mmCIF file of all heavy atoms, coordinates in Angstrom:
data_MODEL
# 
_entry.id   MODEL 
# 
loop_
_atom_site.group_PDB 
_atom_site.id 
_atom_site.type_symbol 
_atom_site.label_atom_id 
_atom_site.label_alt_id 
_atom_site.label_comp_id 
_atom_site.label_asym_id 
_atom_site.label_entity_id 
_atom_site.label_seq_id 
_atom_site.pdbx_PDB_ins_code 
_atom_site.Cartn_x 
_atom_site.Cartn_y 
_atom_site.Cartn_z 
_atom_site.occupancy 
_atom_site.B_iso_or_equiv 
_atom_site.pdbx_formal_charge 
_atom_site.auth_seq_id 
_atom_site.auth_comp_id 
_atom_site.auth_asym_id 
_atom_site.auth_atom_id 
_atom_site.pdbx_PDB_model_num 
ATOM 1   N N   . CYS A 1 1  ? 94.907  88.419  124.216 1.00 0.00 ? 1  CYS A N   1 
ATOM 2   C CA  . CYS A 1 1  ? 94.524  89.835  124.321 1.00 0.00 ? 1  CYS A CA  1 
ATOM 3   C C   . CYS A 1 1  ? 95.755  90.734  124.234 1.00 0.00 ? 1  CYS A C   1 
ATOM 4   O O   . CYS A 1 1  ? 95.720  91.797  123.601 1.00 0.00 ? 1  CYS A O   1 
ATOM 5   C CB  . CYS A 1 1  ? 93.785  90.086  125.635 1.00 0.00 ? 1  CYS A CB  1 
ATOM 6   S SG  . CYS A 1 1  ? 92.117  89.412  125.678 1.00 0.00 ? 1  CYS A SG  1 
ATOM 7   N N   . MET A 1 2  ? 96.852  90.309  124.866 1.00 0.00 ? 2  MET A N   1 
ATOM 8   C CA  . MET A 1 2  ? 98.077  91.095  124.790 1.00 0.00 ? 2  MET A CA  1 
ATOM 9   C C   . MET A 1 2  ? 98.595  91.132  123.362 1.00 0.00 ? 2  MET A C   1 
ATOM 10  O O   . MET A 1 2  ? 99.075  92.163  122.881 1.00 0.00 ? 2  MET A O   1 
ATOM 11  C CB  . MET A 1 2  ? 99.134  90.516  125.735 1.00 0.00 ? 2  MET A CB  1 
ATOM 12  C CG  . MET A 1 2  ? 100.494 91.209  125.635 1.00 0.00 ? 2  MET A CG  1 
ATOM 13  S SD  . MET A 1 2  ? 100.414 93.002  125.936 1.00 0.00 ? 2  MET A SD  1 
ATOM 14  C CE  . MET A 1 2  ? 100.214 93.025  127.722 1.00 0.00 ? 2  MET A CE  1 
ATOM 15  N N   . GLY A 1 3  ? 98.493  90.016  122.656 1.00 0.00 ? 3  GLY A N   1 
ATOM 16  C CA  . GLY A 1 3  ? 98.899  89.994  121.258 1.00 0.00 ? 3  GLY A CA  1 
ATOM 17  C C   . GLY A 1 3  ? 98.088  90.966  120.422 1.00 0.00 ? 3  GLY A C   1 
ATOM 18  O O   . GLY A 1 3  ? 98.635  91.684  119.570 1.00 0.00 ? 3  GLY A O   1 
ATOM 19  N N   . SER A 1 4  ? 96.781  91.024  120.667 1.00 0.00 ? 4  SER A N   1 
ATOM 20  C CA  . SER A 1 4  ? 95.929  91.976  119.954 1.00 0.00 ? 4  SER A CA  1 
ATOM 21  C C   . SER A 1 4  ? 96.338  93.410  120.259 1.00 0.00 ? 4  SER A C   1 
ATOM 22  O O   . SER A 1 4  ? 96.365  94.273  119.369 1.00 0.00 ? 4  SER A O   1 
ATOM 23  C CB  . SER A 1 4  ? 94.458  91.754  120.336 1.00 0.00 ? 4  SER A CB  1 
ATOM 24  O OG  . SER A 1 4  ? 94.022  90.475  119.951 1.00 0.00 ? 4  SER A OG  1 
ATOM 25  N N   . ALA A 1 5  ? 96.669  93.668  121.526 1.00 0.00 ? 5  ALA A N   1 
ATOM 26  C CA  . ALA A 1 5  ? 97.100  95.009  121.915 1.00 0.00 ? 5  ALA A CA  1 
ATOM 27  C C   . ALA A 1 5  ? 98.406  95.379  121.216 1.00 0.00 ? 5  ALA A C   1 
ATOM 28  O O   . ALA A 1 5  ? 98.592  96.530  120.792 1.00 0.00 ? 5  ALA A O   1 
ATOM 29  C CB  . ALA A 1 5  ? 97.267  95.085  123.431 1.00 0.00 ? 5  ALA A CB  1 
ATOM 30  N N   . MET A 1 6  ? 99.300  94.420  121.076 1.00 0.00 ? 6  MET A N   1 
ATOM 31  C CA  . MET A 1 6  ? 100.564 94.680  120.384 1.00 0.00 ? 6  MET A CA  1 
ATOM 32  C C   . MET A 1 6  ? 100.326 95.068  118.927 1.00 0.00 ? 6  MET A C   1 
ATOM 33  O O   . MET A 1 6  ? 100.901 96.038  118.415 1.00 0.00 ? 6  MET A O   1 
ATOM 34  C CB  . MET A 1 6  ? 101.464 93.447  120.457 1.00 0.00 ? 6  MET A CB  1 
ATOM 35  C CG  . MET A 1 6  ? 102.022 93.154  121.827 1.00 0.00 ? 6  MET A CG  1 
ATOM 36  S SD  . MET A 1 6  ? 102.987 91.619  121.811 1.00 0.00 ? 6  MET A SD  1 
ATOM 37  C CE  . MET A 1 6  ? 103.469 91.511  123.526 1.00 0.00 ? 6  MET A CE  1 
ATOM 38  N N   . PHE A 1 7  ? 99.470  94.333  118.252 1.00 0.00 ? 7  PHE A N   1 
ATOM 39  C CA  . PHE A 1 7  ? 99.193  94.657  116.855 1.00 0.00 ? 7  PHE A CA  1 
ATOM 40  C C   . PHE A 1 7  ? 98.423  95.977  116.736 1.00 0.00 ? 7  PHE A C   1 
ATOM 41  O O   . PHE A 1 7  ? 98.564  96.700  115.751 1.00 0.00 ? 7  PHE A O   1 
ATOM 42  C CB  . PHE A 1 7  ? 98.429  93.519  116.177 1.00 0.00 ? 7  PHE A CB  1 
ATOM 43  C CG  . PHE A 1 7  ? 99.327  92.407  115.715 1.00 0.00 ? 7  PHE A CG  1 
ATOM 44  C CD1 . PHE A 1 7  ? 99.362  91.194  116.383 1.00 0.00 ? 7  PHE A CD1 1 
ATOM 45  C CD2 . PHE A 1 7  ? 100.164 92.581  114.616 1.00 0.00 ? 7  PHE A CD2 1 
ATOM 46  C CE1 . PHE A 1 7  ? 100.205 90.174  115.963 1.00 0.00 ? 7  PHE A CE1 1 
ATOM 47  C CE2 . PHE A 1 7  ? 101.009 91.566  114.195 1.00 0.00 ? 7  PHE A CE2 1 
ATOM 48  C CZ  . PHE A 1 7  ? 101.027 90.357  114.864 1.00 0.00 ? 7  PHE A CZ  1 
ATOM 49  N N   . GLY A 1 8  ? 97.614  96.290  117.750 1.00 0.00 ? 8  GLY A N   1 
ATOM 50  C CA  . GLY A 1 8  ? 96.960  97.593  117.759 1.00 0.00 ? 8  GLY A CA  1 
ATOM 51  C C   . GLY A 1 8  ? 97.975  98.717  117.870 1.00 0.00 ? 8  GLY A C   1 
ATOM 52  O O   . GLY A 1 8  ? 97.856  99.768  117.212 1.00 0.00 ? 8  GLY A O   1 
ATOM 53  N N   . ALA A 1 9  ? 99.010  98.486  118.687 1.00 0.00 ? 9  ALA A N   1 
ATOM 54  C CA  . ALA A 1 9  ? 100.072 99.491  118.833 1.00 0.00 ? 9  ALA A CA  1 
ATOM 55  C C   . ALA A 1 9  ? 100.845 99.651  117.535 1.00 0.00 ? 9  ALA A C   1 
ATOM 56  O O   . ALA A 1 9  ? 101.259 100.759 117.173 1.00 0.00 ? 9  ALA A O   1 
ATOM 57  C CB  . ALA A 1 9  ? 101.011 99.087  119.966 1.00 0.00 ? 9  ALA A CB  1 
ATOM 58  N N   . VAL A 1 10 ? 101.025 98.542  116.792 1.00 0.00 ? 10 VAL A N   1 
ATOM 59  C CA  . VAL A 1 10 ? 101.709 98.620  115.496 1.00 0.00 ? 10 VAL A CA  1 
ATOM 60  C C   . VAL A 1 10 ? 100.833 99.351  114.479 1.00 0.00 ? 10 VAL A C   1 
ATOM 61  O O   . VAL A 1 10 ? 101.330 100.130 113.656 1.00 0.00 ? 10 VAL A O   1 
ATOM 62  C CB  . VAL A 1 10 ? 102.081 97.206  114.996 1.00 0.00 ? 10 VAL A CB  1 
ATOM 63  C CG1 . VAL A 1 10 ? 102.649 97.268  113.575 1.00 0.00 ? 10 VAL A CG1 1 
ATOM 64  C CG2 . VAL A 1 10 ? 103.091 96.556  115.930 1.00 0.00 ? 10 VAL A CG2 1 
ATOM 65  N N   . ALA A 1 11 ? 99.534  99.116  114.546 1.00 0.00 ? 11 ALA A N   1 
ATOM 66  C CA  . ALA A 1 11 ? 98.625  99.818  113.634 1.00 0.00 ? 11 ALA A CA  1 
ATOM 67  C C   . ALA A 1 11 ? 98.669  101.328 113.870 1.00 0.00 ? 11 ALA A C   1 
ATOM 68  O O   . ALA A 1 11 ? 98.598  102.127 112.922 1.00 0.00 ? 11 ALA A O   1 
ATOM 69  C CB  . ALA A 1 11 ? 97.203  99.294  113.806 1.00 0.00 ? 11 ALA A CB  1 
ATOM 70  N N   . ALA A 1 12 ? 98.822  101.716 115.128 1.00 0.00 ? 12 ALA A N   1 
ATOM 71  C CA  . ALA A 1 12 ? 98.913  103.145 115.441 1.00 0.00 ? 12 ALA A CA  1 
ATOM 72  C C   . ALA A 1 12 ? 100.236 103.722 114.963 1.00 0.00 ? 12 ALA A C   1 
ATOM 73  O O   . ALA A 1 12 ? 100.308 104.883 114.522 1.00 0.00 ? 12 ALA A O   1 
ATOM 74  C CB  . ALA A 1 12 ? 98.756  103.359 116.949 1.00 0.00 ? 12 ALA A CB  1 
ATOM 75  N N   . GLY A 1 13 ? 101.274 102.905 115.014 1.00 0.00 ? 13 GLY A N   1 
ATOM 76  C CA  . GLY A 1 13 ? 102.592 103.377 114.582 1.00 0.00 ? 13 GLY A CA  1 
ATOM 77  C C   . GLY A 1 13 ? 103.245 104.271 115.628 1.00 0.00 ? 13 GLY A C   1 
ATOM 78  O O   . GLY A 1 13 ? 102.595 104.756 116.569 1.00 0.00 ? 13 GLY A O   1 
ATOM 79  N N   . ARG A 1 14 ? 104.536 104.512 115.450 1.00 0.00 ? 14 ARG A N   1 
ATOM 80  C CA  . ARG A 1 14 ? 105.256 105.335 116.417 1.00 0.00 ? 14 ARG A CA  1 
ATOM 81  C C   . ARG A 1 14 ? 104.681 106.749 116.483 1.00 0.00 ? 14 ARG A C   1 
ATOM 82  O O   . ARG A 1 14 ? 104.614 107.360 117.554 1.00 0.00 ? 14 ARG A O   1 
ATOM 83  C CB  . ARG A 1 14 ? 106.751 105.374 116.062 1.00 0.00 ? 14 ARG A CB  1 
ATOM 84  C CG  . ARG A 1 14 ? 107.624 106.056 117.117 1.00 0.00 ? 14 ARG A CG  1 
ATOM 85  C CD  . ARG A 1 14 ? 109.088 105.806 116.858 1.00 0.00 ? 14 ARG A CD  1 
ATOM 86  N NE  . ARG A 1 14 ? 109.427 104.401 116.970 1.00 0.00 ? 14 ARG A NE  1 
ATOM 87  C CZ  . ARG A 1 14 ? 109.659 103.783 118.130 1.00 0.00 ? 14 ARG A CZ  1 
ATOM 88  N NH1 . ARG A 1 14 ? 109.578 104.471 119.273 1.00 0.00 ? 14 ARG A NH1 1 
ATOM 89  N NH2 . ARG A 1 14 ? 109.967 102.515 118.159 1.00 0.00 ? 14 ARG A NH2 1 
ATOM 90  N N   . LYS A 1 15 ? 104.234 107.276 115.347 1.00 0.00 ? 15 LYS A N   1 
ATOM 91  C CA  . LYS A 1 15 ? 103.654 108.622 115.341 1.00 0.00 ? 15 LYS A CA  1 
ATOM 92  C C   . LYS A 1 15 ? 102.371 108.689 116.148 1.00 0.00 ? 15 LYS A C   1 
ATOM 93  O O   . LYS A 1 15 ? 102.000 109.748 116.665 1.00 0.00 ? 15 LYS A O   1 
ATOM 94  C CB  . LYS A 1 15 ? 103.403 109.069 113.906 1.00 0.00 ? 15 LYS A CB  1 
ATOM 95  C CG  . LYS A 1 15 ? 104.676 109.325 113.107 1.00 0.00 ? 15 LYS A CG  1 
ATOM 96  C CD  . LYS A 1 15 ? 104.340 109.814 111.704 1.00 0.00 ? 15 LYS A CD  1 
ATOM 97  C CE  . LYS A 1 15 ? 105.615 110.107 110.909 1.00 0.00 ? 15 LYS A CE  1 
ATOM 98  N NZ  . LYS A 1 15 ? 105.304 110.576 109.524 1.00 0.00 ? 15 LYS A NZ  1 
ATOM 99  N N   . GLY A 1 16 ? 101.674 107.579 116.227 1.00 0.00 ? 16 GLY A N   1 
ATOM 100 C CA  . GLY A 1 16 ? 100.426 107.550 116.983 1.00 0.00 ? 16 GLY A CA  1 
ATOM 101 C C   . GLY A 1 16 ? 100.597 107.053 118.403 1.00 0.00 ? 16 GLY A C   1 
ATOM 102 O O   . GLY A 1 16 ? 99.613  106.725 119.072 1.00 0.00 ? 16 GLY A O   1 
ATOM 103 N N   . GLY A 1 17 ? 101.840 106.979 118.867 1.00 0.00 ? 17 GLY A N   1 
ATOM 104 C CA  . GLY A 1 17 ? 102.091 106.545 120.234 1.00 0.00 ? 17 GLY A CA  1 
ATOM 105 C C   . GLY A 1 17 ? 102.361 105.063 120.372 1.00 0.00 ? 17 GLY A C   1 
ATOM 106 O O   . GLY A 1 17 ? 102.483 104.567 121.503 1.00 0.00 ? 17 GLY A O   1 
ATOM 107 N N   . GLY A 1 18 ? 102.462 104.370 119.229 1.00 0.00 ? 18 GLY A N   1 
ATOM 108 C CA  . GLY A 1 18 ? 102.708 102.937 119.278 1.00 0.00 ? 18 GLY A CA  1 
ATOM 109 C C   . GLY A 1 18 ? 104.087 102.568 118.783 1.00 0.00 ? 18 GLY A C   1 
ATOM 110 O O   . GLY A 1 18 ? 105.065 103.231 119.137 1.00 0.00 ? 18 GLY A O   1 
ATOM 111 N N   . TYR A 1 19 ? 104.136 101.551 117.939 1.00 0.00 ? 19 TYR A N   1 
ATOM 112 C CA  . TYR A 1 19 ? 105.418 101.046 117.449 1.00 0.00 ? 19 TYR A CA  1 
ATOM 113 C C   . TYR A 1 19 ? 105.301 100.784 115.950 1.00 0.00 ? 19 TYR A C   1 
ATOM 114 O O   . TYR A 1 19 ? 104.224 100.518 115.422 1.00 0.00 ? 19 TYR A O   1 
ATOM 115 C CB  . TYR A 1 19 ? 105.804 99.765  118.194 1.00 0.00 ? 19 TYR A CB  1 
ATOM 116 C CG  . TYR A 1 19 ? 105.868 99.972  119.683 1.00 0.00 ? 19 TYR A CG  1 
ATOM 117 C CD1 . TYR A 1 19 ? 104.760 99.666  120.492 1.00 0.00 ? 19 TYR A CD1 1 
ATOM 118 C CD2 . TYR A 1 19 ? 106.998 100.498 120.284 1.00 0.00 ? 19 TYR A CD2 1 
ATOM 119 C CE1 . TYR A 1 19 ? 104.801 99.874  121.853 1.00 0.00 ? 19 TYR A CE1 1 
ATOM 120 C CE2 . TYR A 1 19 ? 107.048 100.711 121.656 1.00 0.00 ? 19 TYR A CE2 1 
ATOM 121 C CZ  . TYR A 1 19 ? 105.949 100.401 122.441 1.00 0.00 ? 19 TYR A CZ  1 
ATOM 122 O OH  . TYR A 1 19 ? 105.993 100.629 123.784 1.00 0.00 ? 19 TYR A OH  1 
ATOM 123 N N   . ASP A 1 20 ? 106.414 100.818 115.257 1.00 0.00 ? 20 ASP A N   1 
ATOM 124 C CA  . ASP A 1 20 ? 106.403 100.649 113.809 1.00 0.00 ? 20 ASP A CA  1 
ATOM 125 C C   . ASP A 1 20 ? 106.469 99.185  113.379 1.00 0.00 ? 20 ASP A C   1 
ATOM 126 O O   . ASP A 1 20 ? 106.087 98.853  112.257 1.00 0.00 ? 20 ASP A O   1 
ATOM 127 C CB  . ASP A 1 20 ? 107.568 101.418 113.169 1.00 0.00 ? 20 ASP A CB  1 
ATOM 128 C CG  . ASP A 1 20 ? 107.362 102.923 113.230 1.00 0.00 ? 20 ASP A CG  1 
ATOM 129 O OD1 . ASP A 1 20 ? 106.184 103.353 113.288 1.00 0.00 ? 20 ASP A OD1 1 
ATOM 130 O OD2 . ASP A 1 20 ? 108.359 103.662 113.238 1.00 0.00 ? 20 ASP A OD2 1 
ATOM 131 N N   . THR A 1 21 ? 106.964 98.300  114.227 1.00 0.00 ? 21 THR A N   1 
ATOM 132 C CA  . THR A 1 21 ? 107.035 96.876  113.884 1.00 0.00 ? 21 THR A CA  1 
ATOM 133 C C   . THR A 1 21 ? 106.559 96.040  115.060 1.00 0.00 ? 21 THR A C   1 
ATOM 134 O O   . THR A 1 21 ? 106.587 96.484  116.219 1.00 0.00 ? 21 THR A O   1 
ATOM 135 C CB  . THR A 1 21 ? 108.471 96.452  113.533 1.00 0.00 ? 21 THR A CB  1 
ATOM 136 O OG1 . THR A 1 21 ? 109.289 96.521  114.706 1.00 0.00 ? 21 THR A OG1 1 
ATOM 137 C CG2 . THR A 1 21 ? 109.062 97.339  112.427 1.00 0.00 ? 21 THR A CG2 1 
ATOM 138 N N   . ILE A 1 22 ? 106.133 94.812  114.752 1.00 0.00 ? 22 ILE A N   1 
ATOM 139 C CA  . ILE A 1 22 ? 105.682 93.938  115.824 1.00 0.00 ? 22 ILE A CA  1 
ATOM 140 C C   . ILE A 1 22 ? 106.843 93.545  116.721 1.00 0.00 ? 22 ILE A C   1 
ATOM 141 O O   . ILE A 1 22 ? 106.673 93.346  117.932 1.00 0.00 ? 22 ILE A O   1 
ATOM 142 C CB  . ILE A 1 22 ? 104.982 92.683  115.241 1.00 0.00 ? 22 ILE A CB  1 
ATOM 143 C CG1 . ILE A 1 22 ? 104.329 91.850  116.346 1.00 0.00 ? 22 ILE A CG1 1 
ATOM 144 C CG2 . ILE A 1 22 ? 105.954 91.842  114.439 1.00 0.00 ? 22 ILE A CG2 1 
ATOM 145 C CD1 . ILE A 1 22 ? 103.238 92.563  117.115 1.00 0.00 ? 22 ILE A CD1 1 
ATOM 146 N N   . GLU A 1 23 ? 108.064 93.479  116.150 1.00 0.00 ? 23 GLU A N   1 
ATOM 147 C CA  . GLU A 1 23 ? 109.224 93.167  116.978 1.00 0.00 ? 23 GLU A CA  1 
ATOM 148 C C   . GLU A 1 23 ? 109.440 94.233  118.056 1.00 0.00 ? 23 GLU A C   1 
ATOM 149 O O   . GLU A 1 23 ? 109.750 93.911  119.206 1.00 0.00 ? 23 GLU A O   1 
ATOM 150 C CB  . GLU A 1 23 ? 110.471 93.024  116.108 1.00 0.00 ? 23 GLU A CB  1 
ATOM 151 C CG  . GLU A 1 23 ? 110.519 91.767  115.250 1.00 0.00 ? 23 GLU A CG  1 
ATOM 152 C CD  . GLU A 1 23 ? 109.730 91.881  113.954 1.00 0.00 ? 23 GLU A CD  1 
ATOM 153 O OE1 . GLU A 1 23 ? 109.148 92.975  113.702 1.00 0.00 ? 23 GLU A OE1 1 
ATOM 154 O OE2 . GLU A 1 23 ? 109.685 90.900  113.196 1.00 0.00 ? 23 GLU A OE2 1 
ATOM 155 N N   . GLU A 1 24 ? 109.263 95.498  117.690 1.00 0.00 ? 24 GLU A N   1 
ATOM 156 C CA  . GLU A 1 24 ? 109.404 96.582  118.664 1.00 0.00 ? 24 GLU A CA  1 
ATOM 157 C C   . GLU A 1 24 ? 108.324 96.482  119.735 1.00 0.00 ? 24 GLU A C   1 
ATOM 158 O O   . GLU A 1 24 ? 108.583 96.694  120.934 1.00 0.00 ? 24 GLU A O   1 
ATOM 159 C CB  . GLU A 1 24 ? 109.311 97.932  117.955 1.00 0.00 ? 24 GLU A CB  1 
ATOM 160 C CG  . GLU A 1 24 ? 110.489 98.248  117.044 1.00 0.00 ? 24 GLU A CG  1 
ATOM 161 C CD  . GLU A 1 24 ? 110.282 99.560  116.299 1.00 0.00 ? 24 GLU A CD  1 
ATOM 162 O OE1 . GLU A 1 24 ? 109.256 100.231 116.554 1.00 0.00 ? 24 GLU A OE1 1 
ATOM 163 O OE2 . GLU A 1 24 ? 111.138 99.907  115.474 1.00 0.00 ? 24 GLU A OE2 1 
ATOM 164 N N   . ALA A 1 25 ? 107.106 96.166  119.311 1.00 0.00 ? 25 ALA A N   1 
ATOM 165 C CA  . ALA A 1 25 ? 106.000 96.057  120.269 1.00 0.00 ? 25 ALA A CA  1 
ATOM 166 C C   . ALA A 1 25 ? 106.221 94.897  121.233 1.00 0.00 ? 25 ALA A C   1 
ATOM 167 O O   . ALA A 1 25 ? 105.980 95.023  122.447 1.00 0.00 ? 25 ALA A O   1 
ATOM 168 C CB  . ALA A 1 25 ? 104.683 95.871  119.517 1.00 0.00 ? 25 ALA A CB  1 
# 
Protein backbone atom coordinates (compact mmCIF):
# COMPACT_ATOMS: atom_id res chain seq x y z
CA CYS A 1 0.00 0.00 0.00
CA MET A 2 2.86 2.37 0.78
CA GLY A 3 4.40 1.57 -2.60
CA SER A 4 1.11 2.45 -4.29
CA ALA A 5 0.99 5.71 -2.36
CA MET A 6 4.52 6.54 -3.51
CA PHE A 7 3.64 6.03 -7.15
CA GLY A 8 0.48 8.07 -6.62
CA ALA A 9 2.65 10.90 -5.32
CA VAL A 10 4.85 10.59 -8.42
CA ALA A 11 1.77 10.68 -10.65
CA ALA A 12 0.74 13.93 -8.98
CA GLY A 13 4.21 15.36 -9.46
CA ARG A 14 5.86 18.11 -7.45
CA LYS A 15 3.40 20.67 -8.84
CA GLY A 16 0.54 18.60 -7.49
CA GLY A 17 2.06 18.24 -4.04
CA GLY A 18 3.93 15.03 -4.76
CA TYR A 19 7.31 14.13 -6.21
CA ASP A 20 8.77 14.05 -9.70
CA THR A 21 10.60 10.70 -9.39
CA ILE A 22 10.08 7.50 -7.47
CA GLU A 23 13.52 7.96 -5.92
CA GLU A 24 12.37 11.25 -4.38
CA ALA A 25 9.17 9.64 -3.12
